[in-house]
Amino acid sequence: MNSPSQHAGSAGRSGEDVRVTAVVRGVVQGVGFRYRVLRQALKLNLTGSVVNMPDGSVVITAEGLPSALDGLLEWVRSPSAPGVVESVEEHHSPATGEFSGFDAG
């Protein structure tokens, strides 16, 4: 039986992992938003990235268990997230397994 936590760099394709790509709009750049998303994602054992976009939005691409992804999106929409989140547009798709960790590049 596999451990519920997945070590970075492992194949980690449990068959249940999914991907979410979320475009977050509002005052989300220059307020520590990417760093805090990174911290939340690591707590939830997610892999992926969070990137500032030229239009002022932030794009989060994360893979992991659906419950963990829901937890991340719930946090992004909560008052705990830094800045002011005006909207979150999310798209769900199958996980690709391309990430070995979580990057706030």
PDB file of N, CA and C in Angstrom:
ATOM      1  N   MET A   1       0.849  -1.180   0.000  1.00  0.00           N
ATOM      2  CA  MET A   1       0.000   0.000   0.000  1.00  0.00           C
ATOM      3  C   MET A   1       0.887   1.233   0.000  1.00  0.00           C
ATOM      4  N   ASN A   2       0.561   2.220  -0.816  1.00  0.00           N
ATOM      5  CA  ASN A   2       1.363   3.436  -0.912  1.00  0.00           C
ATOM      6  C   ASN A   2       1.035   4.395   0.216  1.00  0.00           C
ATOM      7  N   SER A   3       2.027   5.163   0.619  1.00  0.00           N
ATOM      8  CA  SER A   3       1.847   6.201   1.615  1.00  0.00           C
ATOM      9  C   SER A   3       0.999   7.322   1.027  1.00  0.00           C
ATOM     10  N   PRO A   4       0.145   7.971   1.824  1.00  0.00           N
ATOM     11  CA  PRO A   4      -0.679   9.044   1.284  1.00  0.00           C
ATOM     12  C   PRO A   4       0.136  10.264   0.869  1.00  0.00           C
ATOM     13  N   SER A   5       1.314  10.457   1.459  1.00  0.00           N
ATOM     14  CA  SER A   5       2.126  11.593   1.030  1.00  0.00           C
ATOM     15  C   SER A   5       3.063  11.142  -0.078  1.00  0.00           C
ATOM     16  N   GLN A   6       3.313  12.071  -0.990  1.00  0.00           N
ATOM     17  CA  GLN A   6       4.163  11.750  -2.130  1.00  0.00           C
ATOM     18  C   GLN A   6       5.427  12.573  -2.034  1.00  0.00           C
ATOM     19  N   HIS A   7       6.553  11.932  -2.179  1.00  0.00           N
ATOM     20  CA  HIS A   7       7.840  12.605  -2.122  1.00  0.00           C
ATOM     21  C   HIS A   7       8.106  13.308  -3.443  1.00  0.00           C
ATOM     22  N   ALA A   8       8.579  14.538  -3.374  1.00  0.00           N
ATOM     23  CA  ALA A   8       8.909  15.275  -4.604  1.00  0.00           C
ATOM     24  C   ALA A   8       9.892  14.462  -5.423  1.00  0.00           C
ATOM     25  N   GLY A   9       9.650  14.362  -6.692  1.00  0.00           N
ATOM     26  CA  GLY A   9      10.520  13.612  -7.568  1.00  0.00           C
ATOM     27  C   GLY A   9      10.032  12.207  -7.815  1.00  0.00           C
ATOM     28  N   SER A  10       9.075  11.736  -7.012  1.00  0.00           N
ATOM     29  CA  SER A  10       8.531  10.410  -7.266  1.00  0.00           C
ATOM     30  C   SER A  10       7.511  10.500  -8.389  1.00  0.00           C
ATOM     31  N   ALA A  11       7.201   9.369  -8.975  1.00  0.00           N
ATOM     32  CA  ALA A  11       6.235   9.366 -10.079  1.00  0.00           C
ATOM     33  C   ALA A  11       4.918   9.953  -9.608  1.00  0.00           C
ATOM     34  N   GLY A  12       4.433   9.524  -8.446  1.00  0.00           N
ATOM     35  CA  GLY A  12       3.301  10.154  -7.807  1.00  0.00           C
ATOM     36  C   GLY A  12       1.987  10.106  -8.555  1.00  0.00           C
ATOM     37  N   ARG A  13       1.863   9.336  -9.600  1.00  0.00           N
ATOM     38  CA  ARG A  13       0.610   9.268 -10.350  1.00  0.00           C
ATOM     39  C   ARG A  13      -0.267   8.193  -9.728  1.00  0.00           C
ATOM     40  N   SER A  14      -1.033   8.578  -8.717  1.00  0.00           N
ATOM     41  CA  SER A  14      -1.839   7.615  -7.981  1.00  0.00           C
ATOM     42  C   SER A  14      -3.067   7.185  -8.765  1.00  0.00           C
ATOM     43  N   GLY A  15      -3.333   7.809  -9.895  1.00  0.00           N
ATOM     44  CA  GLY A  15      -4.552   7.515 -10.634  1.00  0.00           C
ATOM     45  C   GLY A  15      -5.678   8.428 -10.211  1.00  0.00           C
ATOM     46  N   GLU A  16      -5.519   9.072  -9.048  1.00  0.00           N
ATOM     47  CA  GLU A  16      -6.545   9.987  -8.569  1.00  0.00           C
ATOM     48  C   GLU A  16      -6.116  11.441  -8.704  1.00  0.00           C
ATOM     49  N   ASP A  17      -4.856  11.684  -8.987  1.00  0.00           N
ATOM     50  CA  ASP A  17      -4.378  13.060  -9.110  1.00  0.00           C
ATOM     51  C   ASP A  17      -5.025  13.752 -10.300  1.00  0.00           C
ATOM     52  N   VAL A  18      -5.311  15.029 -10.114  1.00  0.00           N
ATOM     53  CA  VAL A  18      -5.865  15.860 -11.174  1.00  0.00           C
ATOM     54  C   VAL A  18      -5.095  17.170 -11.217  1.00  0.00           C
ATOM     55  N   ARG A  19      -5.364  17.981 -12.232  1.00  0.00           N
ATOM     56  CA  ARG A  19      -4.710  19.280 -12.396  1.00  0.00           C
ATOM     57  C   ARG A  19      -5.767  20.365 -12.367  1.00  0.00           C
ATOM     58  N   VAL A  20      -5.419  21.457 -11.744  1.00  0.00           N
ATOM     59  CA  VAL A  20      -6.245  22.655 -11.839  1.00  0.00           C
ATOM     60  C   VAL A  20      -5.338  23.801 -12.279  1.00  0.00           C
ATOM     61  N   THR A  21      -5.845  24.578 -13.214  1.00  0.00           N
ATOM     62  CA  THR A  21      -5.186  25.816 -13.619  1.00  0.00           C
ATOM     63  C   THR A  21      -6.136  26.938 -13.231  1.00  0.00           C
ATOM     64  N   ALA A  22      -5.653  27.850 -12.404  1.00  0.00           N
ATOM     65  CA  ALA A  22      -6.504  28.932 -11.910  1.00  0.00           C
ATOM     66  C   ALA A  22      -5.878  30.276 -12.229  1.00  0.00           C
ATOM     67  N   VAL A  23      -6.673  31.159 -12.821  1.00  0.00           N
ATOM     68  CA  VAL A  23      -6.246  32.530 -13.080  1.00  0.00           C
ATOM     69  C   VAL A  23      -6.878  33.390 -11.985  1.00  0.00           C
ATOM     70  N   VAL A  24      -6.018  34.010 -11.177  1.00  0.00           N
ATOM     71  CA  VAL A  24      -6.473  34.806 -10.043  1.00  0.00           C
ATOM     72  C   VAL A  24      -6.289  36.279 -10.403  1.00  0.00           C
ATOM     73  N   ARG A  25      -7.387  37.034 -10.309  1.00  0.00           N
ATOM     74  CA  ARG A  25      -7.350  38.461 -10.634  1.00  0.00           C
ATOM     75  C   ARG A  25      -7.681  39.285  -9.396  1.00  0.00           C
ATOM     76  N   GLY A  26      -7.123  40.480  -9.360  1.00  0.00           N
ATOM     77  CA  GLY A  26      -7.319  41.395  -8.247  1.00  0.00           C
ATOM     78  C   GLY A  26      -5.992  42.046  -7.922  1.00  0.00           C
ATOM     79  N   VAL A  27      -5.814  42.411  -6.664  1.00  0.00           N
ATOM     80  CA  VAL A  27      -4.539  42.952  -6.203  1.00  0.00           C
ATOM     81  C   VAL A  27      -3.757  41.764  -5.649  1.00  0.00           C
ATOM     82  N   VAL A  28      -3.054  41.060  -6.548  1.00  0.00           N
ATOM     83  CA  VAL A  28      -2.391  39.810  -6.168  1.00  0.00           C
ATOM     84  C   VAL A  28      -0.912  39.777  -6.557  1.00  0.00           C
ATOM     85  N   GLN A  29      -0.377  40.912  -6.973  1.00  0.00           N
ATOM     86  CA  GLN A  29       1.058  41.000  -7.243  1.00  0.00           C
ATOM     87  C   GLN A  29       1.660  42.036  -6.306  1.00  0.00           C
ATOM     88  N   GLY A  30       2.862  41.736  -5.815  1.00  0.00           N
ATOM     89  CA  GLY A  30       3.553  42.660  -4.919  1.00  0.00           C
ATOM     90  C   GLY A  30       3.045  42.618  -3.492  1.00  0.00           C
ATOM     91  N   VAL A  31       2.302  41.564  -3.142  1.00  0.00           N
ATOM     92  CA  VAL A  31       1.732  41.458  -1.793  1.00  0.00           C
ATOM     93  C   VAL A  31       2.088  40.127  -1.115  1.00  0.00           C
ATOM     94  N   GLY A  32       3.025  39.371  -1.689  1.00  0.00           N
ATOM     95  CA  GLY A  32       3.404  38.085  -1.120  1.00  0.00           C
ATOM     96  C   GLY A  32       2.488  36.940  -1.512  1.00  0.00           C
ATOM     97  N   PHE A  33       1.658  37.168  -2.506  1.00  0.00           N
ATOM     98  CA  PHE A  33       0.664  36.165  -2.893  1.00  0.00           C
ATOM     99  C   PHE A  33       1.314  34.869  -3.377  1.00  0.00           C
ATOM    100  N   ARG A  34       2.293  34.959  -4.279  1.00  0.00           N
ATOM    101  CA  ARG A  34       2.924  33.739  -4.815  1.00  0.00           C
ATOM    102  C   ARG A  34       3.607  32.940  -3.712  1.00  0.00           C
ATOM    103  N   TYR A  35       4.312  33.624  -2.826  1.00  0.00           N
ATOM    104  CA  TYR A  35       4.995  32.940  -1.734  1.00  0.00           C
ATOM    105  C   TYR A  35       3.994  32.191  -0.850  1.00  0.00           C
ATOM    106  N   ARG A  36       2.886  32.835  -0.540  1.00  0.00           N
ATOM    107  CA  ARG A  36       1.886  32.197   0.325  1.00  0.00           C
ATOM    108  C   ARG A  36       1.195  31.041  -0.391  1.00  0.00           C
ATOM    109  N   VAL A  37       0.956  31.165  -1.713  1.00  0.00           N
ATOM    110  CA  VAL A  37       0.408  30.040  -2.480  1.00  0.00           C
ATOM    111  C   VAL A  37       1.387  28.869  -2.425  1.00  0.00           C
ATOM    112  N   LEU A  38       2.666  29.152  -2.608  1.00  0.00           N
ATOM    113  CA  LEU A  38       3.697  28.113  -2.525  1.00  0.00           C
ATOM    114  C   LEU A  38       3.631  27.401  -1.180  1.00  0.00           C
ATOM    115  N   ARG A  39       3.566  28.147  -0.094  1.00  0.00           N
ATOM    116  CA  ARG A  39       3.513  27.553   1.255  1.00  0.00           C
ATOM    117  C   ARG A  39       2.265  26.672   1.412  1.00  0.00           C
ATOM    118  N   GLN A  40       1.117  27.144   0.944  1.00  0.00           N
ATOM    119  CA  GLN A  40      -0.122  26.362   1.042  1.00  0.00           C
ATOM    120  C   GLN A  40      -0.019  25.090   0.211  1.00  0.00           C
ATOM    121  N   ALA A  41       0.503  25.217  -0.999  1.00  0.00           N
ATOM    122  CA  ALA A  41       0.621  24.068  -1.895  1.00  0.00           C
ATOM    123  C   ALA A  41       1.530  22.999  -1.289  1.00  0.00           C
ATOM    124  N   LEU A  42       2.629  23.419  -0.687  1.00  0.00           N
ATOM    125  CA  LEU A  42       3.536  22.453  -0.067  1.00  0.00           C
ATOM    126  C   LEU A  42       2.872  21.758   1.114  1.00  0.00           C
ATOM    127  N   LYS A  43       2.106  22.503   1.919  1.00  0.00           N
ATOM    128  CA  LYS A  43       1.367  21.909   3.046  1.00  0.00           C
ATOM    129  C   LYS A  43       0.396  20.839   2.557  1.00  0.00           C
ATOM    130  N   LEU A  44      -0.159  21.052   1.362  1.00  0.00           N
ATOM    131  CA  LEU A  44      -1.179  20.152   0.817  1.00  0.00           C
ATOM    132  C   LEU A  44      -0.585  19.065  -0.089  1.00  0.00           C
ATOM    133  N   ASN A  45       0.753  18.979  -0.152  1.00  0.00           N
ATOM    134  CA  ASN A  45       1.442  17.975  -0.980  1.00  0.00           C
ATOM    135  C   ASN A  45       1.096  18.099  -2.463  1.00  0.00           C
ATOM    136  N   LEU A  46       0.972  19.330  -2.929  1.00  0.00           N
ATOM    137  CA  LEU A  46       0.688  19.570  -4.344  1.00  0.00           C
ATOM    138  C   LEU A  46       1.984  19.853  -5.090  1.00  0.00           C
ATOM    139  N   THR A  47       1.980  19.593  -6.375  1.00  0.00           N
ATOM    140  CA  THR A  47       3.077  19.990  -7.250  1.00  0.00           C
ATOM    141  C   THR A  47       2.535  21.000  -8.236  1.00  0.00           C
ATOM    142  N   GLY A  48       3.424  21.815  -8.825  1.00  0.00           N
ATOM    143  CA  GLY A  48       2.977  22.772  -9.818  1.00  0.00           C
ATOM    144  C   GLY A  48       3.770  24.046  -9.773  1.00  0.00           C
ATOM    145  N   SER A  49       3.091  25.160 -10.125  1.00  0.00           N
ATOM    146  CA  SER A  49       3.752  26.460 -10.161  1.00  0.00           C
ATOM    147  C   SER A  49       2.746  27.576  -9.950  1.00  0.00           C
ATOM    148  N   VAL A  50       3.273  28.730  -9.579  1.00  0.00           N
ATOM    149  CA  VAL A  50       2.473  29.949  -9.468  1.00  0.00           C
ATOM    150  C   VAL A  50       3.306  31.069 -10.080  1.00  0.00           C
ATOM    151  N   VAL A  51       2.707  31.812 -11.040  1.00  0.00           N
ATOM    152  CA  VAL A  51       3.455  32.758 -11.858  1.00  0.00           C
ATOM    153  C   VAL A  51       2.675  34.075 -11.996  1.00  0.00           C
ATOM    154  N   ASN A  52       3.393  35.199 -11.836  1.00  0.00           N
ATOM    155  CA  ASN A  52       2.810  36.513 -12.129  1.00  0.00           C
ATOM    156  C   ASN A  52       2.697  36.679 -13.636  1.00  0.00           C
ATOM    157  N   MET A  53       1.592  37.253 -14.090  1.00  0.00           N
ATOM    158  CA  MET A  53       1.380  37.519 -15.513  1.00  0.00           C
ATOM    159  C   MET A  53       1.472  39.024 -15.770  1.00  0.00           C
ATOM    160  N   PRO A  54       1.820  39.408 -17.012  1.00  0.00           N
ATOM    161  CA  PRO A  54       1.961  40.838 -17.341  1.00  0.00           C
ATOM    162  C   PRO A  54       0.689  41.662 -17.108  1.00  0.00           C
ATOM    163  N   ASP A  55      -0.489  41.037 -17.185  1.00  0.00           N
ATOM    164  CA  ASP A  55      -1.743  41.785 -17.004  1.00  0.00           C
ATOM    165  C   ASP A  55      -2.113  42.001 -15.540  1.00  0.00           C
ATOM    166  N   GLY A  56      -1.237  41.575 -14.602  1.00  0.00           N
ATOM    167  CA  GLY A  56      -1.507  41.761 -13.176  1.00  0.00           C
ATOM    168  C   GLY A  56      -2.143  40.561 -12.510  1.00  0.00           C
ATOM    169  N   SER A  57      -2.526  39.552 -13.288  1.00  0.00           N
ATOM    170  CA  SER A  57      -3.105  38.344 -12.706  1.00  0.00           C
ATOM    171  C   SER A  57      -1.994  37.393 -12.277  1.00  0.00           C
ATOM    172  N   VAL A  58      -2.374  36.352 -11.574  1.00  0.00           N
ATOM    173  CA  VAL A  58      -1.462  35.286 -11.170  1.00  0.00           C
ATOM    174  C   VAL A  58      -2.067  33.980 -11.650  1.00  0.00           C
ATOM    175  N   VAL A  59      -1.243  33.124 -12.262  1.00  0.00           N
ATOM    176  CA  VAL A  59      -1.717  31.820 -12.725  1.00  0.00           C
ATOM    177  C   VAL A  59      -1.127  30.739 -11.834  1.00  0.00           C
ATOM    178  N   ILE A  60      -2.023  29.931 -11.273  1.00  0.00           N
ATOM    179  CA  ILE A  60      -1.630  28.788 -10.450  1.00  0.00           C
ATOM    180  C   ILE A  60      -1.919  27.532 -11.256  1.00  0.00           C
ATOM    181  N   THR A  61      -0.911  26.683 -11.412  1.00  0.00           N
ATOM    182  CA  THR A  61      -1.088  25.365 -12.017  1.00  0.00           C
ATOM    183  C   THR A  61      -0.680  24.369 -10.948  1.00  0.00           C
ATOM    184  N   ALA A  62      -1.622  23.539 -10.512  1.00  0.00           N
ATOM    185  CA  ALA A  62      -1.338  22.609  -9.418  1.00  0.00           C
ATOM    186  C   ALA A  62      -1.887  21.235  -9.730  1.00  0.00           C
ATOM    187  N   GLU A  63      -1.157  20.214  -9.274  1.00  0.00           N
ATOM    188  CA  GLU A  63      -1.585  18.831  -9.434  1.00  0.00           C
ATOM    189  C   GLU A  63      -1.541  18.130  -8.084  1.00  0.00           C
ATOM    190  N   GLY A  64      -2.518  17.257  -7.885  1.00  0.00           N
ATOM    191  CA  GLY A  64      -2.577  16.483  -6.656  1.00  0.00           C
ATOM    192  C   GLY A  64      -3.964  15.905  -6.476  1.00  0.00           C
ATOM    193  N   LEU A  65      -4.239  15.475  -5.255  1.00  0.00           N
ATOM    194  CA  LEU A  65      -5.548  14.920  -4.952  1.00  0.00           C
ATOM    195  C   LEU A  65      -6.618  16.003  -5.047  1.00  0.00           C
ATOM    196  N   PRO A  66      -7.795  15.652  -5.549  1.00  0.00           N
ATOM    197  CA  PRO A  66      -8.873  16.650  -5.669  1.00  0.00           C
ATOM    198  C   PRO A  66      -9.163  17.379  -4.365  1.00  0.00           C
ATOM    199  N   SER A  67      -9.141  16.684  -3.236  1.00  0.00           N
ATOM    200  CA  SER A  67      -9.427  17.327  -1.952  1.00  0.00           C
ATOM    201  C   SER A  67      -8.368  18.368  -1.609  1.00  0.00           C
ATOM    202  N   ALA A  68      -7.104  18.101  -1.956  1.00  0.00           N
ATOM    203  CA  ALA A  68      -6.031  19.055  -1.699  1.00  0.00           C
ATOM    204  C   ALA A  68      -6.171  20.276  -2.610  1.00  0.00           C
ATOM    205  N   LEU A  69      -6.509  20.043  -3.872  1.00  0.00           N
ATOM    206  CA  LEU A  69      -6.723  21.159  -4.792  1.00  0.00           C
ATOM    207  C   LEU A  69      -7.885  22.020  -4.332  1.00  0.00           C
ATOM    208  N   ASP A  70      -8.954  21.387  -3.867  1.00  0.00           N
ATOM    209  CA  ASP A  70     -10.092  22.142  -3.334  1.00  0.00           C
ATOM    210  C   ASP A  70      -9.654  22.994  -2.150  1.00  0.00           C
ATOM    211  N   GLY A  71      -8.788  22.431  -1.302  1.00  0.00           N
ATOM    212  CA  GLY A  71      -8.281  23.167  -0.149  1.00  0.00           C
ATOM    213  C   GLY A  71      -7.477  24.385  -0.569  1.00  0.00           C
ATOM    214  N   LEU A  72      -6.656  24.234  -1.603  1.00  0.00           N
ATOM    215  CA  LEU A  72      -5.869  25.362  -2.098  1.00  0.00           C
ATOM    216  C   LEU A  72      -6.777  26.455  -2.650  1.00  0.00           C
ATOM    217  N   LEU A  73      -7.754  26.066  -3.466  1.00  0.00           N
ATOM    218  CA  LEU A  73      -8.661  27.061  -4.054  1.00  0.00           C
ATOM    219  C   LEU A  73      -9.514  27.737  -2.983  1.00  0.00           C
ATOM    220  N   GLU A  74      -9.910  26.978  -1.977  1.00  0.00           N
ATOM    221  CA  GLU A  74     -10.680  27.561  -0.875  1.00  0.00           C
ATOM    222  C   GLU A  74      -9.833  28.609  -0.154  1.00  0.00           C
ATOM    223  N   TRP A  75      -8.554  28.291   0.078  1.00  0.00           N
ATOM    224  CA  TRP A  75      -7.659  29.238   0.730  1.00  0.00           C
ATOM    225  C   TRP A  75      -7.473  30.482  -0.139  1.00  0.00           C
ATOM    226  N   VAL A  76      -7.274  30.308  -1.454  1.00  0.00           N
ATOM    227  CA  VAL A  76      -7.084  31.444  -2.360  1.00  0.00           C
ATOM    228  C   VAL A  76      -8.266  32.399  -2.287  1.00  0.00           C
ATOM    229  N   ARG A  77      -9.465  31.862  -2.130  1.00  0.00           N
ATOM    230  CA  ARG A  77     -10.675  32.685  -2.079  1.00  0.00           C
ATOM    231  C   ARG A  77     -10.968  33.229  -0.676  1.00  0.00           C
ATOM    232  N   SER A  78     -10.182  32.831   0.309  1.00  0.00           N
ATOM    233  CA  SER A  78     -10.458  33.210   1.698  1.00  0.00           C
ATOM    234  C   SER A  78      -9.767  34.522   2.063  1.00  0.00           C
ATOM    235  N   PRO A  79     -10.184  35.123   3.176  1.00  0.00           N
ATOM    236  CA  PRO A  79      -9.510  36.340   3.656  1.00  0.00           C
ATOM    237  C   PRO A  79      -8.061  36.083   4.072  1.00  0.00           C
ATOM    238  N   SER A  80      -7.655  34.830   4.233  1.00  0.00           N
ATOM    239  CA  SER A  80      -6.275  34.509   4.614  1.00  0.00           C
ATOM    240  C   SER A  80      -5.277  34.774   3.489  1.00  0.00           C
ATOM    241  N   ALA A  81      -5.747  34.762   2.249  1.00  0.00           N
ATOM    242  CA  ALA A  81      -4.855  35.020   1.109  1.00  0.00           C
ATOM    243  C   ALA A  81      -4.481  36.497   1.110  1.00  0.00           C
ATOM    244  N   PRO A  82      -3.189  36.803   0.873  1.00  0.00           N
ATOM    245  CA  PRO A  82      -2.784  38.214   0.861  1.00  0.00           C
ATOM    246  C   PRO A  82      -3.333  38.954  -0.362  1.00  0.00           C
ATOM    247  N   GLY A  83      -3.440  40.262  -0.228  1.00  0.00           N
ATOM    248  CA  GLY A  83      -3.952  41.068  -1.328  1.00  0.00           C
ATOM    249  C   GLY A  83      -5.467  41.055  -1.354  1.00  0.00           C
ATOM    250  N   VAL A  84      -6.008  41.317  -2.526  1.00  0.00           N
ATOM    251  CA  VAL A  84      -7.455  41.328  -2.723  1.00  0.00           C
ATOM    252  C   VAL A  84      -7.765  40.459  -3.936  1.00  0.00           C
ATOM    253  N   VAL A  85      -8.378  39.309  -3.697  1.00  0.00           N
ATOM    254  CA  VAL A  85      -8.752  38.414  -4.789  1.00  0.00           C
ATOM    255  C   VAL A  85     -10.140  38.816  -5.267  1.00  0.00           C
ATOM    256  N   GLU A  86     -10.219  39.263  -6.517  1.00  0.00           N
ATOM    257  CA  GLU A  86     -11.504  39.675  -7.079  1.00  0.00           C
ATOM    258  C   GLU A  86     -12.195  38.530  -7.793  1.00  0.00           C
ATOM    259  N   SER A  87     -11.400  37.662  -8.458  1.00  0.00           N
ATOM    260  CA  SER A  87     -12.003  36.527  -9.153  1.00  0.00           C
ATOM    261  C   SER A  87     -10.981  35.410  -9.315  1.00  0.00           C
ATOM    262  N   VAL A  88     -11.502  34.183  -9.397  1.00  0.00           N
ATOM    263  CA  VAL A  88     -10.684  33.006  -9.653  1.00  0.00           C
ATOM    264  C   VAL A  88     -11.379  32.215 -10.746  1.00  0.00           C
ATOM    265  N   GLU A  89     -10.710  32.100 -11.880  1.00  0.00           N
ATOM    266  CA  GLU A  89     -11.232  31.318 -13.002  1.00  0.00           C
ATOM    267  C   GLU A  89     -10.440  30.015 -13.031  1.00  0.00           C
ATOM    268  N   GLU A  90     -11.125  28.888 -12.836  1.00  0.00           N
ATOM    269  CA  GLU A  90     -10.412  27.616 -12.742  1.00  0.00           C
ATOM    270  C   GLU A  90     -10.802  26.656 -13.853  1.00  0.00           C
ATOM    271  N   HIS A  91      -9.827  25.871 -14.248  1.00  0.00           N
ATOM    272  CA  HIS A  91     -10.024  24.845 -15.276  1.00  0.00           C
ATOM    273  C   HIS A  91      -9.417  23.553 -14.743  1.00  0.00           C
ATOM    274  N   HIS A  92     -10.193  22.476 -14.785  1.00  0.00           N
ATOM    275  CA  HIS A  92      -9.732  21.174 -14.303  1.00  0.00           C
ATOM    276  C   HIS A  92      -9.418  20.267 -15.486  1.00  0.00           C
ATOM    277  N   SER A  93      -8.360  19.471 -15.343  1.00  0.00           N
ATOM    278  CA  SER A  93      -7.954  18.530 -16.381  1.00  0.00           C
ATOM    279  C   SER A  93      -7.192  17.382 -15.732  1.00  0.00           C
ATOM    280  N   PRO A  94      -6.894  16.329 -16.501  1.00  0.00           N
ATOM    281  CA  PRO A  94      -6.111  15.226 -15.934  1.00  0.00           C
ATOM    282  C   PRO A  94      -4.692  15.692 -15.571  1.00  0.00           C
ATOM    283  N   ALA A  95      -4.147  15.137 -14.515  1.00  0.00           N
ATOM    284  CA  ALA A  95      -2.763  15.439 -14.130  1.00  0.00           C
ATOM    285  C   ALA A  95      -1.808  14.894 -15.187  1.00  0.00           C
ATOM    286  N   THR A  96      -0.718  15.610 -15.405  1.00  0.00           N
ATOM    287  CA  THR A  96       0.296  15.162 -16.360  1.00  0.00           C
ATOM    288  C   THR A  96       1.502  14.551 -15.670  1.00  0.00           C
ATOM    289  N   GLY A  97       1.701  14.874 -14.389  1.00  0.00           N
ATOM    290  CA  GLY A  97       2.861  14.377 -13.671  1.00  0.00           C
ATOM    291  C   GLY A  97       4.151  15.094 -14.040  1.00  0.00           C
ATOM    292  N   GLU A  98       4.054  16.234 -14.736  1.00  0.00           N
ATOM    293  CA  GLU A  98       5.247  16.935 -15.217  1.00  0.00           C
ATOM    294  C   GLU A  98       6.024  17.658 -14.124  1.00  0.00           C
ATOM    295  N   PHE A  99       5.417  17.911 -12.986  1.00  0.00           N
ATOM    296  CA  PHE A  99       6.075  18.681 -11.917  1.00  0.00           C
ATOM    297  C   PHE A  99       6.687  17.748 -10.873  1.00  0.00           C
ATOM    298  N   SER A 100       7.870  18.130 -10.381  1.00  0.00           N
ATOM    299  CA  SER A 100       8.503  17.338  -9.331  1.00  0.00           C
ATOM    300  C   SER A 100       8.401  18.036  -7.981  1.00  0.00           C
ATOM    301  N   GLY A 101       7.946  19.261  -7.981  1.00  0.00           N
ATOM    302  CA  GLY A 101       7.786  20.045  -6.757  1.00  0.00           C
ATOM    303  C   GLY A 101       6.841  21.188  -7.050  1.00  0.00           C
ATOM    304  N   PHE A 102       6.937  22.258  -6.257  1.00  0.00           N
ATOM    305  CA  PHE A 102       6.114  23.434  -6.503  1.00  0.00           C
ATOM    306  C   PHE A 102       7.020  24.629  -6.618  1.00  0.00           C
ATOM    307  N   ASP A 103       6.843  25.421  -7.679  1.00  0.00           N
ATOM    308  CA  ASP A 103       7.738  26.533  -8.001  1.00  0.00           C
ATOM    309  C   ASP A 103       6.958  27.849  -7.993  1.00  0.00           C
ATOM    310  N   ALA A 104       7.536  28.852  -7.363  1.00  0.00           N
ATOM    311  CA  ALA A 104       6.917  30.174  -7.345  1.00  0.00           C
ATOM    312  C   ALA A 104       7.701  31.115  -8.247  1.00  0.00           C
ATOM    313  N   GLY A 105       8.077  30.622  -9.442  1.00  0.00           N
ATOM    314  CA  GLY A 105       8.875  31.396 -10.393  1.00  0.00           C
ATOM    315  C   GLY A 105       8.096  32.464 -10.997  1.00  0.00           C
TER     316      GLY A 105
END
